[in-house]
Amino acid sequence: MHPEREPYETGMLDVGDGNRVYWEVCGNPRGKPALVVHGGPGSGCRPGMRQYFDPERYRVVLFDQRGCGRSTPHASDPETGLEHNTTWHLVADMERLREHLGIDRWLLFGGSWGSTLLLAYAEQYPERVSEIVIATVTTTRRSEIDWLYRGVGRFFPEQWERFAARAPGATTGAEVVSAYARLMEHPDASMREQVAADWCAWEDTVLFGETGGTANPYGDRPTTARLALVRICARYFAHGAWLDDGVLLREAGRLADIPGVLVHGRRDMGGPLRTAWDLGRAWPGSELVVVEDAGHLGSVAMRRRVVGALDAFAARAD
């Protein structure tokens, strides 16, 4: 990983509908433009994401998607409406941010939910994307949602039973997340907090093999961050992220002129390798790198491959 650099510029972008999106820029003001698209949805960007980029070669833009992180209004507040918070609103926000910063084309980097969002943006605006690097590939197909919120329960039956208890009679992952989405709008604050805790406990269960139980990447977040994450996440997945099922794979031919590197861990329980494999087959000119020791949270080897890909794209620009 590269040395961390503090942002040299920050701002709040008015994207309409009463939303203001936080953004920051770090690195070299004259460097190669790159946009970091964080996961979640609803997680917010983290300072460590800056360290994937050589600060002498890249002009790195990070932003918090609507309703989370430092963007306002915050989804942890039940008074914050989410009707203007969809995948396509976020795609429009990214394009507005590009125009605001005066960037012609930029490299896109992200993983997990971030890969779904950046793929949606790239297929909408391929002429604005120079390269793509993805660490942990998802496309938010219905089958992927069903796997994460039901199918993987075959390995954790007791924990899944507790998780699914919030959705009596549910037989699909979509039905489970829909129940959580409804419960996150409950008028009782203590109910919303307990529902968010139950969701995060399930997410941490799926990651248990990677953390060994020494950390809870979801449950250890501050209360407001957990509430925003679960409220946004459950709503997005209950609606299939407002994407026609499988459209990002069907339209991957639109990325044919964009070089891409897909880095995925073979041990990823939450997002099995099959999705990365399918995208690699559908995207002409992309390279799939399978990291044997990595799961959804990555590994030293996985971070090394991602940094190597980003360094290589910077060298080409030089």
Protein backbone atom coordinates (compact mmCIF):
# COMPACT_ATOMS: atom_id res chain seq x y z
CA MET A 1 0.00 0.00 0.00
CA HIS A 2 1.14 3.55 -0.69
CA PRO A 3 1.64 6.24 1.98
CA GLU A 4 -1.56 7.87 3.13
CA ARG A 5 -2.10 11.48 2.08
CA GLU A 6 -4.66 13.87 3.47
CA PRO A 7 -7.07 15.47 0.99
CA TYR A 8 -5.99 18.77 -0.48
CA GLU A 9 -9.55 19.66 -1.43
CA THR A 10 -12.98 18.76 -0.04
CA GLY A 11 -16.53 19.86 -0.66
CA MET A 12 -20.25 19.19 -0.50
CA LEU A 13 -21.91 18.83 -3.89
CA ASP A 14 -25.59 19.72 -4.20
CA VAL A 15 -27.01 16.86 -6.29
CA GLY A 16 -30.65 17.88 -5.99
CA ASP A 17 -33.60 16.37 -4.12
CA GLY A 18 -32.26 18.00 -0.95
CA ASN A 19 -29.09 15.84 -1.01
CA ARG A 20 -25.52 17.06 -0.61
CA VAL A 21 -22.73 14.60 -1.36
CA TYR A 22 -19.37 14.81 0.41
CA TRP A 23 -16.28 14.55 -1.82
CA GLU A 24 -12.52 14.85 -1.38
CA VAL A 25 -9.46 14.86 -3.62
CA CYS A 26 -5.96 13.75 -2.66
CA GLY A 27 -2.67 12.94 -4.37
CA ASN A 28 -1.21 14.96 -7.24
CA PRO A 29 -3.47 17.73 -8.63
CA ARG A 30 -1.91 17.07 -12.06
CA GLY A 31 -2.03 13.29 -11.73
CA LYS A 32 -4.12 10.67 -13.46
CA PRO A 33 -7.78 11.10 -12.36
CA ALA A 34 -9.36 8.19 -10.48
CA LEU A 35 -12.65 7.75 -8.64
CA VAL A 36 -13.09 5.44 -5.64
CA VAL A 37 -16.59 3.92 -5.44
CA HIS A 38 -17.20 2.55 -1.95
CA GLY A 39 -19.15 -0.53 -1.01
CA GLY A 40 -22.26 -1.05 1.06
CA PRO A 41 -24.45 0.37 -0.23
CA GLY A 42 -24.43 2.85 2.60
CA SER A 43 -20.95 2.29 4.03
CA GLY A 44 -19.22 5.56 3.15
CA CYS A 45 -15.62 5.92 1.99
CA ARG A 46 -12.68 5.16 4.30
CA PRO A 47 -9.28 6.92 4.46
CA GLY A 48 -7.46 3.62 3.80
CA MET A 49 -8.89 3.57 0.27
CA ARG A 50 -6.50 6.40 -0.62
CA GLN A 51 -3.52 4.13 -0.04
CA TYR A 52 -4.17 1.97 -3.09
CA PHE A 53 -2.97 4.87 -5.25
CA ASP A 54 0.50 6.30 -5.82
CA PRO A 55 0.04 9.86 -4.51
CA GLU A 56 2.64 11.19 -6.94
CA ARG A 57 0.87 9.78 -9.99
CA TYR A 58 -2.85 9.89 -9.19
CA ARG A 59 -5.43 12.58 -8.55
CA VAL A 60 -7.78 10.48 -6.42
CA VAL A 61 -11.42 11.41 -5.84
CA LEU A 62 -13.46 9.81 -3.05
CA PHE A 63 -17.09 10.48 -2.22
CA ASP A 64 -19.78 9.32 0.19
CA GLN A 65 -22.88 8.07 -1.61
CA ARG A 66 -26.25 9.60 -0.75
CA GLY A 67 -27.42 9.16 2.81
CA CYS A 68 -24.19 7.84 4.34
CA GLY A 69 -20.78 8.91 5.58
CA ARG A 70 -20.54 12.69 5.60
CA SER A 71 -23.22 13.21 2.97
CA THR A 72 -26.46 14.84 4.07
CA PRO A 73 -29.19 14.23 5.04
CA HIS A 74 -28.13 11.03 6.78
CA ALA A 75 -30.17 7.84 6.40
CA SER A 76 -29.81 7.05 10.11
CA ASP A 77 -32.43 9.75 10.67
CA PRO A 78 -35.87 8.21 10.07
CA GLU A 79 -37.06 11.58 8.77
CA THR A 80 -34.64 11.29 5.85
CA GLY A 81 -36.61 10.10 2.83
CA LEU A 82 -34.97 7.53 0.57
CA GLU A 83 -37.22 7.88 -2.46
CA HIS A 84 -34.42 9.76 -4.25
CA ASN A 85 -31.73 7.27 -3.27
CA THR A 86 -31.40 4.61 -5.99
CA THR A 87 -28.63 3.21 -8.15
CA TRP A 88 -29.52 5.60 -10.95
CA HIS A 89 -29.48 8.61 -8.63
CA LEU A 90 -25.96 7.59 -7.58
CA VAL A 91 -24.85 7.15 -11.21
CA ALA A 92 -26.10 10.68 -11.93
CA ASP A 93 -24.26 11.96 -8.83
CA MET A 94 -20.99 10.46 -10.08
CA GLU A 95 -21.38 12.13 -13.46
CA ARG A 96 -22.25 15.45 -11.83
CA LEU A 97 -19.15 15.16 -9.63
CA ARG A 98 -16.97 14.51 -12.68
CA GLU A 99 -18.29 17.62 -14.35
CA HIS A 100 -17.91 19.65 -11.15
CA LEU A 101 -14.22 18.71 -10.87
CA GLY A 102 -13.54 19.34 -14.57
CA ILE A 103 -12.38 15.78 -15.27
CA ASP A 104 -12.68 14.44 -18.82
CA ARG A 105 -12.10 10.72 -18.14
CA TRP A 106 -11.24 8.86 -14.98
CA LEU A 107 -10.23 5.41 -13.79
CA LEU A 108 -12.86 3.71 -11.63
CA PHE A 109 -11.92 1.63 -8.59
CA GLY A 110 -14.20 -0.18 -6.16
CA GLY A 111 -15.34 -3.50 -4.81
CA SER A 112 -18.37 -5.37 -3.50
CA TRP A 113 -21.41 -3.08 -3.97
CA GLY A 114 -19.00 -0.47 -5.35
CA SER A 115 -18.29 -2.72 -8.32
CA THR A 116 -22.01 -2.94 -9.14
CA LEU A 117 -22.33 0.84 -9.03
CA LEU A 118 -19.20 1.56 -11.06
CA LEU A 119 -20.22 -0.98 -13.70
CA ALA A 120 -23.63 0.69 -13.99
CA TYR A 121 -21.88 4.05 -14.41
CA ALA A 122 -19.33 2.72 -16.91
CA GLU A 123 -21.98 1.08 -19.09
CA GLN A 124 -23.96 4.33 -19.04
CA TYR A 125 -20.92 6.58 -19.72
CA PRO A 126 -18.20 4.40 -21.30
CA GLU A 127 -16.62 7.43 -22.98
CA ARG A 128 -15.89 8.91 -19.53
CA VAL A 129 -14.00 5.87 -18.18
CA SER A 130 -10.30 5.29 -18.91
CA GLU A 131 -9.78 2.02 -16.97
CA ILE A 132 -11.48 -0.06 -14.27
CA VAL A 133 -10.00 -1.99 -11.35
CA ILE A 134 -12.36 -4.06 -9.21
CA ALA A 135 -11.43 -5.80 -5.97
CA THR A 136 -14.29 -8.26 -5.22
CA VAL A 137 -16.80 -8.39 -8.05
CA THR A 138 -20.57 -8.17 -7.63
CA THR A 139 -23.35 -7.33 -10.08
CA THR A 140 -26.29 -7.57 -7.62
CA ARG A 141 -28.19 -10.15 -9.63
CA ARG A 142 -31.16 -11.69 -7.83
CA SER A 143 -29.16 -14.92 -7.51
CA GLU A 144 -26.35 -13.05 -5.74
CA ILE A 145 -28.80 -11.47 -3.28
CA ASP A 146 -30.43 -14.84 -2.67
CA TRP A 147 -27.05 -16.46 -2.01
CA LEU A 148 -25.87 -13.86 0.50
CA TYR A 149 -29.12 -13.64 2.46
CA ARG A 150 -30.26 -17.27 2.22
CA GLY A 151 -28.06 -19.69 0.27
CA VAL A 152 -24.90 -19.26 2.31
CA GLY A 153 -27.04 -20.13 5.35
CA ARG A 154 -26.41 -23.80 4.55
CA PHE A 155 -23.02 -23.27 6.20
CA PHE A 156 -24.48 -21.36 9.16
CA PRO A 157 -27.97 -22.83 9.71
CA GLU A 158 -28.46 -21.69 13.29
CA GLN A 159 -27.32 -18.10 12.58
CA TRP A 160 -29.44 -17.91 9.42
CA GLU A 161 -32.48 -19.11 11.32
CA ARG A 162 -32.01 -16.25 13.80
CA PHE A 163 -31.50 -13.78 10.94
CA ALA A 164 -34.56 -15.00 9.01
CA ALA A 165 -36.75 -14.91 12.13
CA ARG A 166 -37.47 -11.29 11.22
CA ALA A 167 -39.15 -12.58 8.05
CA PRO A 168 -41.50 -15.42 9.08
CA GLY A 169 -42.25 -17.77 6.22
CA ALA A 170 -39.55 -16.31 3.94
CA THR A 171 -38.20 -18.78 1.40
CA THR A 172 -35.90 -16.48 -0.59
CA GLY A 173 -33.19 -13.98 0.23
CA ALA A 174 -35.28 -11.28 -1.43
CA GLU A 175 -38.15 -11.92 1.00
CA VAL A 176 -35.76 -11.68 3.95
CA VAL A 177 -34.22 -8.36 2.87
CA SER A 178 -37.67 -6.96 2.06
CA ALA A 179 -38.78 -7.70 5.61
CA TYR A 180 -35.71 -5.94 7.00
CA ALA A 181 -36.34 -2.96 4.71
CA ARG A 182 -39.85 -2.62 6.13
CA LEU A 183 -38.66 -3.00 9.72
CA MET A 184 -36.01 -0.32 9.27
CA GLU A 185 -38.90 2.13 8.78
CA HIS A 186 -40.49 1.14 12.13
CA PRO A 187 -41.45 4.17 14.27
CA ASP A 188 -39.79 2.70 17.38
CA ALA A 189 -36.09 3.67 17.50
CA SER A 190 -35.19 0.69 19.70
CA MET A 191 -36.77 -1.66 17.15
CA ARG A 192 -34.74 -0.12 14.31
CA GLU A 193 -31.54 -0.45 16.32
CA GLN A 194 -32.20 -4.12 17.12
CA VAL A 195 -33.10 -4.91 13.50
CA ALA A 196 -29.87 -3.24 12.34
CA ALA A 197 -27.92 -5.24 14.93
CA ASP A 198 -29.50 -8.49 13.69
CA TRP A 199 -28.59 -7.66 10.09
CA CYS A 200 -25.00 -6.83 11.02
CA ALA A 201 -24.70 -10.02 13.08
CA TRP A 202 -25.59 -12.03 9.97
CA GLU A 203 -23.12 -10.13 7.79
CA ASP A 204 -20.40 -10.74 10.40
CA THR A 205 -21.30 -14.44 10.47
CA VAL A 206 -20.62 -14.72 6.73
CA LEU A 207 -17.22 -13.09 7.31
CA PHE A 208 -16.39 -15.17 10.40
CA GLY A 209 -13.98 -17.42 8.52
CA GLU A 210 -11.95 -14.36 7.51
CA THR A 211 -11.88 -12.60 10.88
CA GLY A 212 -11.79 -15.64 13.17
CA GLY A 213 -14.31 -13.85 15.36
CA THR A 214 -11.69 -11.31 16.47
CA ALA A 215 -13.55 -8.47 14.76
CA ASN A 216 -17.05 -7.67 13.60
CA PRO A 217 -16.66 -5.46 10.52
CA TYR A 218 -20.37 -4.64 10.50
CA GLY A 219 -21.42 -4.85 14.12
CA ASP A 220 -18.47 -2.80 15.43
CA ARG A 221 -19.55 0.31 13.51
CA PRO A 222 -21.02 3.29 15.38
CA THR A 223 -24.79 3.16 15.81
CA THR A 224 -25.56 5.89 13.27
CA ALA A 225 -23.34 4.24 10.66
CA ARG A 226 -25.03 0.86 11.26
CA LEU A 227 -28.49 2.34 10.95
CA ALA A 228 -27.71 4.10 7.69
CA LEU A 229 -25.95 1.06 6.25
CA VAL A 230 -28.76 -1.39 7.01
CA ARG A 231 -31.55 0.97 6.03
CA ILE A 232 -29.95 1.71 2.66
CA CYS A 233 -28.66 -1.82 2.07
CA ALA A 234 -31.96 -3.55 2.78
CA ARG A 235 -33.88 -1.13 0.58
CA TYR A 236 -31.46 -1.47 -2.34
CA PHE A 237 -31.44 -5.25 -2.26
CA ALA A 238 -35.20 -5.46 -1.76
CA HIS A 239 -35.48 -3.61 -5.09
CA GLY A 240 -32.74 -5.55 -6.87
CA ALA A 241 -30.78 -2.27 -6.94
CA TRP A 242 -33.29 -1.04 -9.56
CA LEU A 243 -31.40 -3.06 -12.19
CA ASP A 244 -32.91 -5.47 -14.71
CA ASP A 245 -31.69 -8.85 -13.55
CA GLY A 246 -28.32 -9.64 -15.14
CA VAL A 247 -28.21 -6.41 -17.17
CA LEU A 248 -24.64 -5.53 -16.16
CA LEU A 249 -23.41 -8.81 -17.63
CA ARG A 250 -25.58 -8.57 -20.74
CA GLU A 251 -24.34 -5.04 -21.42
CA ALA A 252 -20.67 -5.74 -20.61
CA GLY A 253 -19.86 -5.43 -24.30
CA ARG A 254 -20.18 -1.67 -23.81
CA LEU A 255 -16.92 -1.89 -21.82
CA ALA A 256 -14.97 -3.41 -24.74
CA ASP A 257 -12.74 -0.33 -25.16
CA ILE A 258 -12.04 0.01 -21.44
CA PRO A 259 -9.11 -1.97 -19.99
CA GLY A 260 -10.12 -3.70 -16.79
CA VAL A 261 -8.63 -5.85 -14.04
CA LEU A 262 -10.92 -7.96 -11.86
CA VAL A 263 -9.35 -9.23 -8.62
CA HIS A 264 -11.39 -11.75 -6.64
CA GLY A 265 -10.71 -14.10 -3.73
CA ARG A 266 -11.45 -17.78 -4.20
CA ARG A 267 -12.52 -18.03 -0.54
CA ASP A 268 -15.16 -15.29 -0.78
CA MET A 269 -18.23 -16.78 0.94
CA GLY A 270 -20.43 -13.71 0.53
CA GLY A 271 -19.71 -13.17 -3.14
CA PRO A 272 -18.62 -16.42 -4.81
CA LEU A 273 -16.07 -16.34 -7.61
CA ARG A 274 -18.68 -17.27 -10.23
CA THR A 275 -19.80 -13.66 -10.68
CA ALA A 276 -16.26 -12.45 -11.37
CA TRP A 277 -15.81 -15.37 -13.79
CA ASP A 278 -19.04 -14.51 -15.62
CA LEU A 279 -18.07 -10.84 -15.92
CA GLY A 280 -14.59 -11.72 -17.17
CA ARG A 281 -16.13 -13.87 -19.90
CA ALA A 282 -18.62 -11.16 -20.90
CA TRP A 283 -16.18 -8.20 -20.90
CA PRO A 284 -13.81 -8.25 -23.88
CA GLY A 285 -10.28 -7.29 -22.89
CA SER A 286 -10.70 -7.65 -19.13
CA GLU A 287 -8.27 -9.65 -16.99
CA LEU A 288 -9.46 -11.83 -14.11
CA VAL A 289 -7.02 -12.41 -11.26
CA VAL A 290 -8.03 -15.09 -8.74
CA VAL A 291 -6.32 -14.79 -5.36
CA GLU A 292 -6.27 -18.18 -3.66
CA ASP A 293 -5.97 -17.05 -0.03
CA ALA A 294 -8.45 -14.16 -0.11
CA GLY A 295 -12.08 -13.82 0.89
CA HIS A 296 -14.46 -10.87 0.76
CA LEU A 297 -12.23 -8.72 2.98
CA GLY A 298 -9.16 -9.39 0.85
CA SER A 299 -5.66 -10.34 1.92
CA VAL A 300 -2.11 -9.05 1.65
CA ALA A 301 -1.75 -10.87 -1.68
CA MET A 302 -5.02 -9.42 -2.95
CA ARG A 303 -4.06 -5.86 -1.97
CA ARG A 304 -0.72 -6.38 -3.69
CA ARG A 305 -2.44 -7.38 -6.94
CA VAL A 306 -4.81 -4.41 -6.80
CA VAL A 307 -2.01 -1.92 -6.13
CA GLY A 308 0.00 -3.53 -8.93
CA ALA A 309 -2.86 -3.06 -11.39
CA LEU A 310 -3.31 0.59 -10.40
CA ASP A 311 0.45 1.23 -10.60
CA ALA A 312 0.53 -0.35 -14.06
CA PHE A 313 -2.26 1.90 -15.34
CA ALA A 314 -0.44 4.94 -13.93
CA ALA A 315 2.76 3.82 -15.68
CA ARG A 316 0.91 3.58 -19.00
CA ALA A 317 -0.35 7.12 -18.49
CA ASP A 318 3.25 8.26 -17.85
